[in-house]
Amino acid sequence: MFRLATMLYALIATTLAGSLVIAALSAGYDTLIPIVVAGGIGAVVAVPVSYYVARAILSGIR
């Protein structure tokens, strides 16, 4: 399951980080710190999300 979760992390982290960066830019935060913080939050939140998605995929298979 760890291998699947790490593969999913590559996709989920970029999606979440990109979405949060776009949300920060849309809200008017256009300096370096808010953009980096939004990307970092997306990368951190993607860890449990990728674990739960991998678990859901594997539970459907077995």
Protein backbone atom coordinates (compact mmCIF):
# COMPACT_ATOMS: atom_id res chain seq x y z
CA MET A 1 0.00 0.00 0.00
CA PHE A 2 2.92 2.33 0.67
CA ARG A 3 4.05 2.18 -2.96
CA LEU A 4 0.57 3.04 -4.21
CA ALA A 5 0.28 5.89 -1.70
CA THR A 6 3.59 7.38 -2.80
CA MET A 7 2.55 7.24 -6.46
CA LEU A 8 -0.75 8.86 -5.61
CA TYR A 9 1.03 11.49 -3.52
CA ALA A 10 2.84 12.77 -6.60
CA LEU A 11 -0.49 13.48 -8.26
CA ILE A 12 -2.50 14.59 -5.25
CA ALA A 13 0.17 16.91 -3.82
CA THR A 14 0.61 18.83 -7.05
CA THR A 15 -3.14 19.16 -7.45
CA LEU A 16 -3.76 20.37 -3.90
CA ALA A 17 -0.74 22.68 -3.81
CA GLY A 18 -1.63 24.17 -7.17
CA SER A 19 -5.24 24.68 -6.16
CA LEU A 20 -4.25 26.41 -2.94
CA VAL A 21 -1.74 28.63 -4.74
CA ILE A 22 -4.43 29.63 -7.24
CA ALA A 23 -6.82 30.32 -4.34
CA ALA A 24 -4.18 32.49 -2.63
CA LEU A 25 -3.54 34.42 -5.82
CA SER A 26 -7.28 34.87 -6.40
CA ALA A 27 -7.66 36.22 -2.88
CA GLY A 28 -5.07 38.90 -3.63
CA TYR A 29 -2.10 37.40 -1.80
CA ASP A 30 0.53 37.87 -4.48
CA THR A 31 3.76 38.01 -2.47
CA LEU A 32 6.21 35.19 -1.90
CA ILE A 33 5.29 34.12 1.64
CA PRO A 34 1.56 33.44 1.13
CA ILE A 35 2.24 31.54 -2.09
CA VAL A 36 4.90 29.33 -0.46
CA VAL A 37 2.69 28.75 2.59
CA ALA A 38 -0.25 27.74 0.39
CA GLY A 39 1.96 25.31 -1.54
CA GLY A 40 3.37 23.88 1.68
CA ILE A 41 -0.07 23.38 3.17
CA GLY A 42 -1.15 21.57 0.02
CA ALA A 43 1.88 19.28 0.19
CA VAL A 44 1.29 18.47 3.87
CA VAL A 45 -2.45 17.89 3.47
CA ALA A 46 -1.76 15.55 0.56
CA VAL A 47 -0.03 13.00 2.82
CA PRO A 48 -3.15 11.75 4.65
CA VAL A 49 -5.30 12.23 1.55
CA SER A 50 -3.06 9.96 -0.52
CA TYR A 51 -3.09 7.37 2.28
CA TYR A 52 -6.89 7.34 2.43
CA VAL A 53 -7.22 7.18 -1.35
CA ALA A 54 -4.76 4.27 -1.52
CA ARG A 55 -6.65 2.49 1.24
CA ALA A 56 -9.95 3.03 -0.56
CA ILE A 57 -8.52 1.70 -3.83
CA LEU A 58 -7.08 -1.40 -2.19
CA SER A 59 -10.21 -2.14 -0.18
CA GLY A 60 -12.22 -2.16 -3.40
CA ILE A 61 -9.85 -4.68 -4.97
CA ARG A 62 -9.78 -7.22 -2.16
